[in-house]
Amino acid sequence: MVLILVGSVAAGCLGALTGLGGGVVVVPMLVLGFGVELRLAVGASLVAVIATSCSSSAGFLRGGFVNVRVSTVLEFATAMGAVLGAVLSPWLPVRTISLLFCAVLFWSAWQTIRQRAERGLDGAGSGDPLAVRLGLDAAVPSRTGPVHYRVHRVIPGVLAMLGAGVLSALVGVGGGVVKVLAMDRLMRMPFKASTTTSNLMIGVTAAASAGVYFGRGQVEPMLAAPVALGAIIGAAVGAKLLAVVPVRKVRLVFAALVLATGVQLLVRTLMGGVE
């Protein structure tokens, strides 16, 4: 249990820094390192995601990193996509979709590493008229004071969230990854704003999924307790680190975890674990 606690601290810290929630680390750690059955590992991972979101989002909200309006708009789209994915799941070739998604993850990791400069950090210039009407433009704190940014391409961002929900329902991977990438690449939000806003959103998504796992008896309290405690501690550390860690290093950590997600999903797909 001590090793699980320590591993969950690391997962919570990474989840808070990258906006992925820590599930990318928790599931393989429990399954490969401790021999936990996959469903129980996923149930514990969902608890860790909720703990990470609650612990880190409070600090991020106080620090002014989170764009609450964007999270509200995109979370609604993700929920609709999840419902659509559940309806379409009997009719779509999930294996093909999973392989395509792996390719997208690998490409995204490469593009994130190649990213050199923050985009969207310009108070001037033309943004998305819809973002202006919805009041989505905001600012992020910096060492020199608040830096204003404009939100771009709201409709493509919403469509990406619909896709994220569909993918999540079909293959069980992609929530936090697609959220961060959509806000960073499509909507041109600053990377730290993208990761912290994703942190807030994934807690809502995971809470709905965790209820289903709990009802099925797939949330083991003796396993979920140290995972949740470690995630809370790690998320608090990650929230403090994000304010001082350079964006470039955060991007590298994010790319590494996205790559790990792609490898996990590819192995599961090729071995017949995704059908």
C-alpha atoms as a PDB file:
ATOM      1  CA  MET A   1       0.000   0.000   0.000  1.00  0.00           C
ATOM      2  CA  VAL A   2       2.910   2.361   0.682  1.00  0.00           C
ATOM      3  CA  LEU A   3       4.252   1.856  -2.842  1.00  0.00           C
ATOM      4  CA  ILE A   4       0.782   2.469  -4.274  1.00  0.00           C
ATOM      5  CA  LEU A   5       0.542   5.662  -2.225  1.00  0.00           C
ATOM      6  CA  VAL A   6       3.930   6.880  -3.495  1.00  0.00           C
ATOM      7  CA  GLY A   7       3.059   6.050  -7.090  1.00  0.00           C
ATOM      8  CA  SER A   8      -0.270   7.856  -6.748  1.00  0.00           C
ATOM      9  CA  VAL A   9       1.507  10.960  -5.457  1.00  0.00           C
ATOM     10  CA  ALA A  10       3.552  11.018  -8.670  1.00  0.00           C
ATOM     11  CA  ALA A  11       0.424  10.393 -10.745  1.00  0.00           C
ATOM     12  CA  GLY A  12      -1.451  13.220  -9.047  1.00  0.00           C
ATOM     13  CA  CYS A  13       1.433  15.621  -9.569  1.00  0.00           C
ATOM     14  CA  LEU A  14       1.735  14.757 -13.259  1.00  0.00           C
ATOM     15  CA  GLY A  15      -2.027  14.882 -13.694  1.00  0.00           C
ATOM     16  CA  ALA A  16      -2.212  18.379 -12.224  1.00  0.00           C
ATOM     17  CA  LEU A  17       0.672  19.627 -14.368  1.00  0.00           C
ATOM     18  CA  THR A  18      -0.616  18.243 -17.655  1.00  0.00           C
ATOM     19  CA  GLY A  19      -4.407  18.285 -17.266  1.00  0.00           C
ATOM     20  CA  LEU A  20      -4.681  14.522 -17.859  1.00  0.00           C
ATOM     21  CA  GLY A  21      -5.767  13.618 -14.341  1.00  0.00           C
ATOM     22  CA  GLY A  22      -3.180  10.953 -13.549  1.00  0.00           C
ATOM     23  CA  GLY A  23      -5.105   7.999 -14.953  1.00  0.00           C
ATOM     24  CA  VAL A  24      -2.422   7.473 -17.598  1.00  0.00           C
ATOM     25  CA  VAL A  25      -0.028   6.607 -14.769  1.00  0.00           C
ATOM     26  CA  VAL A  26      -2.355   4.954 -12.244  1.00  0.00           C
ATOM     27  CA  VAL A  27      -3.844   2.240 -14.492  1.00  0.00           C
ATOM     28  CA  PRO A  28      -0.559   0.762 -15.821  1.00  0.00           C
ATOM     29  CA  MET A  29       1.021   1.135 -12.380  1.00  0.00           C
ATOM     30  CA  LEU A  30      -1.717  -0.921 -10.731  1.00  0.00           C
ATOM     31  CA  VAL A  31      -2.103  -3.496 -13.518  1.00  0.00           C
ATOM     32  CA  LEU A  32       1.545  -4.046 -14.442  1.00  0.00           C
ATOM     33  CA  GLY A  33       3.203  -3.226 -11.126  1.00  0.00           C
ATOM     34  CA  PHE A  34       0.770  -4.720  -8.615  1.00  0.00           C
ATOM     35  CA  GLY A  35      -1.279  -7.212 -10.638  1.00  0.00           C
ATOM     36  CA  VAL A  36      -4.609  -5.484 -10.023  1.00  0.00           C
ATOM     37  CA  GLU A  37      -7.500  -6.570 -12.256  1.00  0.00           C
ATOM     38  CA  LEU A  38      -8.101  -4.011 -15.031  1.00  0.00           C
ATOM     39  CA  ARG A  39     -11.645  -3.019 -14.060  1.00  0.00           C
ATOM     40  CA  LEU A  40     -10.641  -2.426 -10.440  1.00  0.00           C
ATOM     41  CA  ALA A  41      -7.630  -0.420 -11.648  1.00  0.00           C
ATOM     42  CA  VAL A  42      -9.868   1.746 -13.827  1.00  0.00           C
ATOM     43  CA  GLY A  43     -12.265   2.278 -10.917  1.00  0.00           C
ATOM     44  CA  ALA A  44      -9.408   3.365  -8.648  1.00  0.00           C
ATOM     45  CA  SER A  45      -8.037   5.543 -11.453  1.00  0.00           C
ATOM     46  CA  LEU A  46     -11.349   7.385 -11.757  1.00  0.00           C
ATOM     47  CA  VAL A  47     -11.230   8.108  -8.030  1.00  0.00           C
ATOM     48  CA  ALA A  48      -7.688   9.433  -8.524  1.00  0.00           C
ATOM     49  CA  VAL A  49      -8.843  11.694 -11.370  1.00  0.00           C
ATOM     50  CA  ILE A  50     -11.624  13.133  -9.203  1.00  0.00           C
ATOM     51  CA  ALA A  51      -9.188  13.677  -6.329  1.00  0.00           C
ATOM     52  CA  THR A  52      -6.648  15.311  -8.644  1.00  0.00           C
ATOM     53  CA  SER A  53      -9.271  17.589 -10.133  1.00  0.00           C
ATOM     54  CA  CYS A  54     -10.687  18.688  -6.784  1.00  0.00           C
ATOM     55  CA  SER A  55      -7.296  19.207  -5.152  1.00  0.00           C
ATOM     56  CA  SER A  56      -5.580  21.072  -7.982  1.00  0.00           C
ATOM     57  CA  SER A  57      -8.535  23.019  -9.407  1.00  0.00           C
ATOM     58  CA  ALA A  58      -9.058  24.931  -6.170  1.00  0.00           C
ATOM     59  CA  GLY A  59      -5.524  26.318  -6.357  1.00  0.00           C
ATOM     60  CA  PHE A  60      -5.740  26.938 -10.083  1.00  0.00           C
ATOM     61  CA  LEU A  61      -9.008  28.840  -9.661  1.00  0.00           C
ATOM     62  CA  ARG A  62      -7.511  31.007  -6.931  1.00  0.00           C
ATOM     63  CA  GLY A  63      -4.469  31.619  -9.099  1.00  0.00           C
ATOM     64  CA  GLY A  64      -6.576  32.743 -12.037  1.00  0.00           C
ATOM     65  CA  PHE A  65      -5.404  30.058 -14.483  1.00  0.00           C
ATOM     66  CA  VAL A  66      -8.745  28.335 -15.168  1.00  0.00           C
ATOM     67  CA  ASN A  67     -11.126  29.647 -17.842  1.00  0.00           C
ATOM     68  CA  VAL A  68     -14.429  28.651 -16.243  1.00  0.00           C
ATOM     69  CA  ARG A  69     -16.579  29.832 -19.158  1.00  0.00           C
ATOM     70  CA  VAL A  70     -14.616  27.732 -21.640  1.00  0.00           C
ATOM     71  CA  SER A  71     -14.849  24.689 -19.365  1.00  0.00           C
ATOM     72  CA  THR A  72     -18.649  25.058 -19.176  1.00  0.00           C
ATOM     73  CA  VAL A  73     -19.056  25.246 -22.952  1.00  0.00           C
ATOM     74  CA  LEU A  74     -16.697  22.369 -23.705  1.00  0.00           C
ATOM     75  CA  GLU A  75     -17.865  20.056 -20.921  1.00  0.00           C
ATOM     76  CA  PHE A  76     -21.407  20.190 -22.300  1.00  0.00           C
ATOM     77  CA  ALA A  77     -20.082  19.197 -25.737  1.00  0.00           C
ATOM     78  CA  THR A  78     -18.043  16.327 -24.244  1.00  0.00           C
ATOM     79  CA  ALA A  79     -21.089  14.971 -22.430  1.00  0.00           C
ATOM     80  CA  MET A  80     -23.128  15.069 -25.639  1.00  0.00           C
ATOM     81  CA  GLY A  81     -20.317  13.258 -27.469  1.00  0.00           C
ATOM     82  CA  ALA A  82     -20.205  10.549 -24.801  1.00  0.00           C
ATOM     83  CA  VAL A  83     -23.937   9.928 -25.231  1.00  0.00           C
ATOM     84  CA  LEU A  84     -23.487   9.810 -29.017  1.00  0.00           C
ATOM     85  CA  GLY A  85     -20.578   7.384 -28.669  1.00  0.00           C
ATOM     86  CA  ALA A  86     -22.635   5.092 -26.451  1.00  0.00           C
ATOM     87  CA  VAL A  87     -25.402   5.060 -29.088  1.00  0.00           C
ATOM     88  CA  LEU A  88     -23.017   4.462 -31.998  1.00  0.00           C
ATOM     89  CA  SER A  89     -20.814   1.863 -30.290  1.00  0.00           C
ATOM     90  CA  PRO A  90     -22.727  -1.198 -31.626  1.00  0.00           C
ATOM     91  CA  TRP A  91     -22.384   0.058 -35.210  1.00  0.00           C
ATOM     92  CA  LEU A  92     -18.823   1.410 -35.540  1.00  0.00           C
ATOM     93  CA  PRO A  93     -15.592  -0.618 -35.990  1.00  0.00           C
ATOM     94  CA  VAL A  94     -14.003   0.293 -32.679  1.00  0.00           C
ATOM     95  CA  ARG A  95     -10.683  -1.381 -33.563  1.00  0.00           C
ATOM     96  CA  THR A  96     -10.222   0.862 -36.612  1.00  0.00           C
ATOM     97  CA  ILE A  97     -11.175   3.971 -34.649  1.00  0.00           C
ATOM     98  CA  SER A  98      -8.746   2.988 -31.900  1.00  0.00           C
ATOM     99  CA  LEU A  99      -5.850   2.612 -34.365  1.00  0.00           C
ATOM    100  CA  LEU A 100      -6.636   5.977 -35.950  1.00  0.00           C
ATOM    101  CA  PHE A 101      -6.749   7.563 -32.510  1.00  0.00           C
ATOM    102  CA  CYS A 102      -3.336   6.077 -31.700  1.00  0.00           C
ATOM    103  CA  ALA A 103      -1.962   7.760 -34.817  1.00  0.00           C
ATOM    104  CA  VAL A 104      -3.489  11.060 -33.699  1.00  0.00           C
ATOM    105  CA  LEU A 105      -1.898  10.698 -30.249  1.00  0.00           C
ATOM    106  CA  PHE A 106       1.557  10.013 -31.682  1.00  0.00           C
ATOM    107  CA  TRP A 107       1.269  12.969 -34.059  1.00  0.00           C
ATOM    108  CA  SER A 108       0.036  15.194 -31.223  1.00  0.00           C
ATOM    109  CA  ALA A 109       2.966  14.218 -28.993  1.00  0.00           C
ATOM    110  CA  TRP A 110       5.396  15.112 -31.769  1.00  0.00           C
ATOM    111  CA  GLN A 111       3.686  18.430 -32.485  1.00  0.00           C
ATOM    112  CA  THR A 112       3.656  19.310 -28.773  1.00  0.00           C
ATOM    113  CA  ILE A 113       7.404  18.708 -28.527  1.00  0.00           C
ATOM    114  CA  ARG A 114       8.012  20.828 -31.626  1.00  0.00           C
ATOM    115  CA  GLN A 115       5.892  23.699 -30.259  1.00  0.00           C
ATOM    116  CA  ARG A 116       8.235  26.613 -29.582  1.00  0.00           C
ATOM    117  CA  ALA A 117       6.163  29.626 -28.569  1.00  0.00           C
ATOM    118  CA  GLU A 118       2.979  30.302 -26.692  1.00  0.00           C
ATOM    119  CA  ARG A 119       0.115  31.297 -28.938  1.00  0.00           C
ATOM    120  CA  GLY A 120      -2.935  33.275 -28.045  1.00  0.00           C
ATOM    121  CA  LEU A 121      -1.087  35.570 -25.627  1.00  0.00           C
ATOM    122  CA  ASP A 122      -2.138  38.726 -27.383  1.00  0.00           C
ATOM    123  CA  GLY A 123      -4.681  41.121 -26.019  1.00  0.00           C
ATOM    124  CA  ALA A 124      -4.883  42.789 -29.392  1.00  0.00           C
ATOM    125  CA  GLY A 125      -5.909  41.347 -32.746  1.00  0.00           C
ATOM    126  CA  SER A 126      -9.102  39.674 -33.857  1.00  0.00           C
ATOM    127  CA  GLY A 127     -10.461  36.736 -31.925  1.00  0.00           C
ATOM    128  CA  ASP A 128     -13.538  34.619 -32.490  1.00  0.00           C
ATOM    129  CA  PRO A 129     -16.728  36.760 -32.510  1.00  0.00           C
ATOM    130  CA  LEU A 130     -18.570  33.899 -30.797  1.00  0.00           C
ATOM    131  CA  ALA A 131     -15.929  33.838 -28.048  1.00  0.00           C
ATOM    132  CA  VAL A 132     -16.442  37.569 -27.572  1.00  0.00           C
ATOM    133  CA  ARG A 133     -20.208  37.170 -27.288  1.00  0.00           C
ATOM    134  CA  LEU A 134     -19.826  34.323 -24.797  1.00  0.00           C
ATOM    135  CA  GLY A 135     -17.180  36.208 -22.812  1.00  0.00           C
ATOM    136  CA  LEU A 136     -14.547  33.472 -23.232  1.00  0.00           C
ATOM    137  CA  ASP A 137     -11.513  35.750 -23.560  1.00  0.00           C
ATOM    138  CA  ALA A 138      -9.511  35.894 -20.334  1.00  0.00           C
ATOM    139  CA  ALA A 139      -6.031  36.315 -18.858  1.00  0.00           C
ATOM    140  CA  VAL A 140      -3.395  34.149 -17.217  1.00  0.00           C
ATOM    141  CA  PRO A 141      -1.039  35.267 -14.441  1.00  0.00           C
ATOM    142  CA  SER A 142       2.653  35.666 -15.160  1.00  0.00           C
ATOM    143  CA  ARG A 143       5.691  36.990 -13.318  1.00  0.00           C
ATOM    144  CA  THR A 144       5.113  40.393 -14.947  1.00  0.00           C
ATOM    145  CA  GLY A 145       1.361  40.499 -14.251  1.00  0.00           C
ATOM    146  CA  PRO A 146      -1.801  39.225 -15.976  1.00  0.00           C
ATOM    147  CA  VAL A 147      -1.416  38.482 -19.688  1.00  0.00           C
ATOM    148  CA  HIS A 148      -4.617  38.686 -21.702  1.00  0.00           C
ATOM    149  CA  TYR A 149      -5.458  36.220 -24.446  1.00  0.00           C
ATOM    150  CA  ARG A 150      -8.223  35.732 -26.971  1.00  0.00           C
ATOM    151  CA  VAL A 151     -10.009  32.437 -27.543  1.00  0.00           C
ATOM    152  CA  HIS A 152     -10.127  31.377 -31.200  1.00  0.00           C
ATOM    153  CA  ARG A 153     -12.164  28.876 -33.214  1.00  0.00           C
ATOM    154  CA  VAL A 154     -14.856  28.060 -30.682  1.00  0.00           C
ATOM    155  CA  ILE A 155     -16.917  25.885 -33.049  1.00  0.00           C
ATOM    156  CA  PRO A 156     -13.971  23.636 -34.039  1.00  0.00           C
ATOM    157  CA  GLY A 157     -13.136  23.356 -30.333  1.00  0.00           C
ATOM    158  CA  VAL A 158     -16.680  22.270 -29.534  1.00  0.00           C
ATOM    159  CA  LEU A 159     -16.599  19.714 -32.369  1.00  0.00           C
ATOM    160  CA  ALA A 160     -13.311  18.365 -31.001  1.00  0.00           C
ATOM    161  CA  MET A 161     -14.967  17.958 -27.601  1.00  0.00           C
ATOM    162  CA  LEU A 162     -17.807  16.050 -29.238  1.00  0.00           C
ATOM    163  CA  GLY A 163     -15.166  13.784 -30.764  1.00  0.00           C
ATOM    164  CA  ALA A 164     -13.454  13.425 -27.393  1.00  0.00           C
ATOM    165  CA  GLY A 165     -16.702  12.257 -25.839  1.00  0.00           C
ATOM    166  CA  VAL A 166     -17.312   9.767 -28.647  1.00  0.00           C
ATOM    167  CA  LEU A 167     -13.769   8.393 -28.371  1.00  0.00           C
ATOM    168  CA  SER A 168     -14.054   8.128 -24.603  1.00  0.00           C
ATOM    169  CA  ALA A 169     -17.247   6.102 -24.927  1.00  0.00           C
ATOM    170  CA  LEU A 170     -15.863   3.866 -27.694  1.00  0.00           C
ATOM    171  CA  VAL A 171     -12.303   3.122 -26.549  1.00  0.00           C
ATOM    172  CA  GLY A 172     -12.128   4.424 -22.979  1.00  0.00           C
ATOM    173  CA  VAL A 173      -9.208   6.802 -23.670  1.00  0.00           C
ATOM    174  CA  GLY A 174      -8.911  10.388 -24.764  1.00  0.00           C
ATOM    175  CA  GLY A 175     -10.771  12.697 -22.398  1.00  0.00           C
ATOM    176  CA  GLY A 176      -8.008  14.811 -20.925  1.00  0.00           C
ATOM    177  CA  VAL A 177      -5.681  14.382 -23.894  1.00  0.00           C
ATOM    178  CA  VAL A 178      -8.172  15.717 -26.435  1.00  0.00           C
ATOM    179  CA  LYS A 179      -9.372  18.484 -24.106  1.00  0.00           C
ATOM    180  CA  VAL A 180      -5.877  19.922 -23.685  1.00  0.00           C
ATOM    181  CA  LEU A 181      -4.985  19.546 -27.352  1.00  0.00           C
ATOM    182  CA  ALA A 182      -8.225  21.171 -28.516  1.00  0.00           C
ATOM    183  CA  MET A 183      -7.777  24.192 -26.260  1.00  0.00           C
ATOM    184  CA  ASP A 184      -4.075  24.520 -27.065  1.00  0.00           C
ATOM    185  CA  ARG A 185      -3.987  23.760 -30.799  1.00  0.00           C
ATOM    186  CA  LEU A 186      -7.445  24.779 -32.015  1.00  0.00           C
ATOM    187  CA  MET A 187      -8.607  27.481 -29.629  1.00  0.00           C
ATOM    188  CA  ARG A 188      -5.087  28.916 -29.178  1.00  0.00           C
ATOM    189  CA  MET A 189      -5.351  29.222 -25.434  1.00  0.00           C
ATOM    190  CA  PRO A 190      -2.084  29.437 -23.433  1.00  0.00           C
ATOM    191  CA  PHE A 191      -0.855  25.973 -22.527  1.00  0.00           C
ATOM    192  CA  LYS A 192      -1.120  26.482 -18.778  1.00  0.00           C
ATOM    193  CA  ALA A 193      -4.693  27.752 -19.192  1.00  0.00           C
ATOM    194  CA  SER A 194      -5.467  24.655 -21.300  1.00  0.00           C
ATOM    195  CA  THR A 195      -4.094  22.187 -18.741  1.00  0.00           C
ATOM    196  CA  THR A 196      -5.729  23.836 -15.731  1.00  0.00           C
ATOM    197  CA  THR A 197      -9.099  24.184 -17.468  1.00  0.00           C
ATOM    198  CA  SER A 198      -8.863  20.509 -18.446  1.00  0.00           C
ATOM    199  CA  ASN A 199      -8.166  19.662 -14.786  1.00  0.00           C
ATOM    200  CA  LEU A 200     -11.481  21.214 -13.810  1.00  0.00           C
ATOM    201  CA  MET A 201     -13.375  19.460 -16.612  1.00  0.00           C
ATOM    202  CA  ILE A 202     -12.047  15.944 -16.134  1.00  0.00           C
ATOM    203  CA  GLY A 203     -13.299  15.841 -12.552  1.00  0.00           C
ATOM    204  CA  VAL A 204     -16.879  16.265 -13.763  1.00  0.00           C
ATOM    205  CA  THR A 205     -16.456  13.596 -16.437  1.00  0.00           C
ATOM    206  CA  ALA A 206     -14.787  11.131 -14.080  1.00  0.00           C
ATOM    207  CA  ALA A 207     -17.448  11.632 -11.404  1.00  0.00           C
ATOM    208  CA  ALA A 208     -20.145  10.416 -13.778  1.00  0.00           C
ATOM    209  CA  SER A 209     -18.089   7.352 -14.797  1.00  0.00           C
ATOM    210  CA  ALA A 210     -17.066   6.545 -11.223  1.00  0.00           C
ATOM    211  CA  GLY A 211     -20.719   6.310 -10.190  1.00  0.00           C
ATOM    212  CA  VAL A 212     -21.230   3.537 -12.753  1.00  0.00           C
ATOM    213  CA  TYR A 213     -18.139   1.635 -11.557  1.00  0.00           C
ATOM    214  CA  PHE A 214     -19.184   2.041  -7.924  1.00  0.00           C
ATOM    215  CA  GLY A 215     -22.633   0.657  -8.712  1.00  0.00           C
ATOM    216  CA  ARG A 216     -21.010  -2.382 -10.318  1.00  0.00           C
ATOM    217  CA  GLY A 217     -18.833  -2.991  -7.260  1.00  0.00           C
ATOM    218  CA  GLN A 218     -15.650  -2.178  -9.198  1.00  0.00           C
ATOM    219  CA  VAL A 219     -14.358   0.499  -6.813  1.00  0.00           C
ATOM    220  CA  GLU A 220     -12.409  -1.358  -4.094  1.00  0.00           C
ATOM    221  CA  PRO A 221     -12.169   0.917  -1.002  1.00  0.00           C
ATOM    222  CA  MET A 222      -8.873  -0.571   0.244  1.00  0.00           C
ATOM    223  CA  LEU A 223      -7.335   0.144  -3.162  1.00  0.00           C
ATOM    224  CA  ALA A 224      -9.039   3.431  -3.949  1.00  0.00           C
ATOM    225  CA  ALA A 225      -8.201   4.995  -0.555  1.00  0.00           C
ATOM    226  CA  PRO A 226      -4.376   5.134  -0.920  1.00  0.00           C
ATOM    227  CA  VAL A 227      -4.754   6.041  -4.595  1.00  0.00           C
ATOM    228  CA  ALA A 228      -7.035   8.973  -3.767  1.00  0.00           C
ATOM    229  CA  LEU A 229      -4.858  10.139  -0.858  1.00  0.00           C
ATOM    230  CA  GLY A 230      -1.718  10.021  -2.982  1.00  0.00           C
ATOM    231  CA  ALA A 231      -3.459  11.821  -5.852  1.00  0.00           C
ATOM    232  CA  ILE A 232      -4.595  14.618  -3.533  1.00  0.00           C
ATOM    233  CA  ILE A 233      -1.066  15.135  -2.185  1.00  0.00           C
ATOM    234  CA  GLY A 234       0.479  14.974  -5.638  1.00  0.00           C
ATOM    235  CA  ALA A 235      -2.096  17.333  -7.153  1.00  0.00           C
ATOM    236  CA  ALA A 236      -1.420  19.931  -4.476  1.00  0.00           C
ATOM    237  CA  VAL A 237       2.291  19.730  -5.275  1.00  0.00           C
ATOM    238  CA  GLY A 238       1.605  19.897  -9.003  1.00  0.00           C
ATOM    239  CA  ALA A 239      -0.603  22.962  -8.597  1.00  0.00           C
ATOM    240  CA  LYS A 240       2.257  24.804  -6.882  1.00  0.00           C
ATOM    241  CA  LEU A 241       4.810  23.642  -9.435  1.00  0.00           C
ATOM    242  CA  LEU A 242       2.756  24.776 -12.422  1.00  0.00           C
ATOM    243  CA  ALA A 243       3.062  28.413 -11.395  1.00  0.00           C
ATOM    244  CA  VAL A 244       6.866  28.278 -11.559  1.00  0.00           C
ATOM    245  CA  VAL A 245       7.732  25.524 -14.078  1.00  0.00           C
ATOM    246  CA  PRO A 246       8.525  26.860 -17.585  1.00  0.00           C
ATOM    247  CA  VAL A 247       5.892  26.122 -20.228  1.00  0.00           C
ATOM    248  CA  ARG A 248       8.416  24.241 -22.353  1.00  0.00           C
ATOM    249  CA  LYS A 249       9.014  21.678 -19.588  1.00  0.00           C
ATOM    250  CA  VAL A 250       5.274  21.259 -19.010  1.00  0.00           C
ATOM    251  CA  ARG A 251       4.873  20.587 -22.733  1.00  0.00           C
ATOM    252  CA  LEU A 252       7.578  17.913 -22.637  1.00  0.00           C
ATOM    253  CA  VAL A 253       5.908  16.141 -19.711  1.00  0.00           C
ATOM    254  CA  PHE A 254       2.548  16.354 -21.481  1.00  0.00           C
ATOM    255  CA  ALA A 255       4.020  14.927 -24.699  1.00  0.00           C
ATOM    256  CA  ALA A 256       5.594  12.032 -22.789  1.00  0.00           C
ATOM    257  CA  LEU A 257       2.283  11.117 -21.153  1.00  0.00           C
ATOM    258  CA  VAL A 258       0.379  11.438 -24.443  1.00  0.00           C
ATOM    259  CA  LEU A 259       2.935   9.120 -26.045  1.00  0.00           C
ATOM    260  CA  ALA A 260       2.516   6.656 -23.161  1.00  0.00           C
ATOM    261  CA  THR A 261      -1.261   6.771 -23.647  1.00  0.00           C
ATOM    262  CA  GLY A 262      -0.858   6.029 -27.346  1.00  0.00           C
ATOM    263  CA  VAL A 263       1.436   3.080 -26.682  1.00  0.00           C
ATOM    264  CA  GLN A 264      -0.954   1.634 -24.085  1.00  0.00           C
ATOM    265  CA  LEU A 265      -3.938   1.962 -26.416  1.00  0.00           C
ATOM    266  CA  LEU A 266      -2.009   0.521 -29.381  1.00  0.00           C
ATOM    267  CA  VAL A 267      -0.928  -2.529 -27.363  1.00  0.00           C
ATOM    268  CA  ARG A 268      -4.472  -3.068 -26.074  1.00  0.00           C
ATOM    269  CA  THR A 269      -5.853  -2.794 -29.614  1.00  0.00           C
ATOM    270  CA  LEU A 270      -3.325  -5.134 -31.259  1.00  0.00           C
ATOM    271  CA  MET A 271      -3.816  -7.695 -28.477  1.00  0.00           C
ATOM    272  CA  GLY A 272      -7.574  -7.635 -28.901  1.00  0.00           C
ATOM    273  CA  GLY A 273      -8.334  -5.678 -25.734  1.00  0.00           C
ATOM    274  CA  VAL A 274     -10.330  -3.093 -27.684  1.00  0.00           C
ATOM    275  CA  GLU A 275     -13.144  -4.560 -29.754  1.00  0.00           C
END
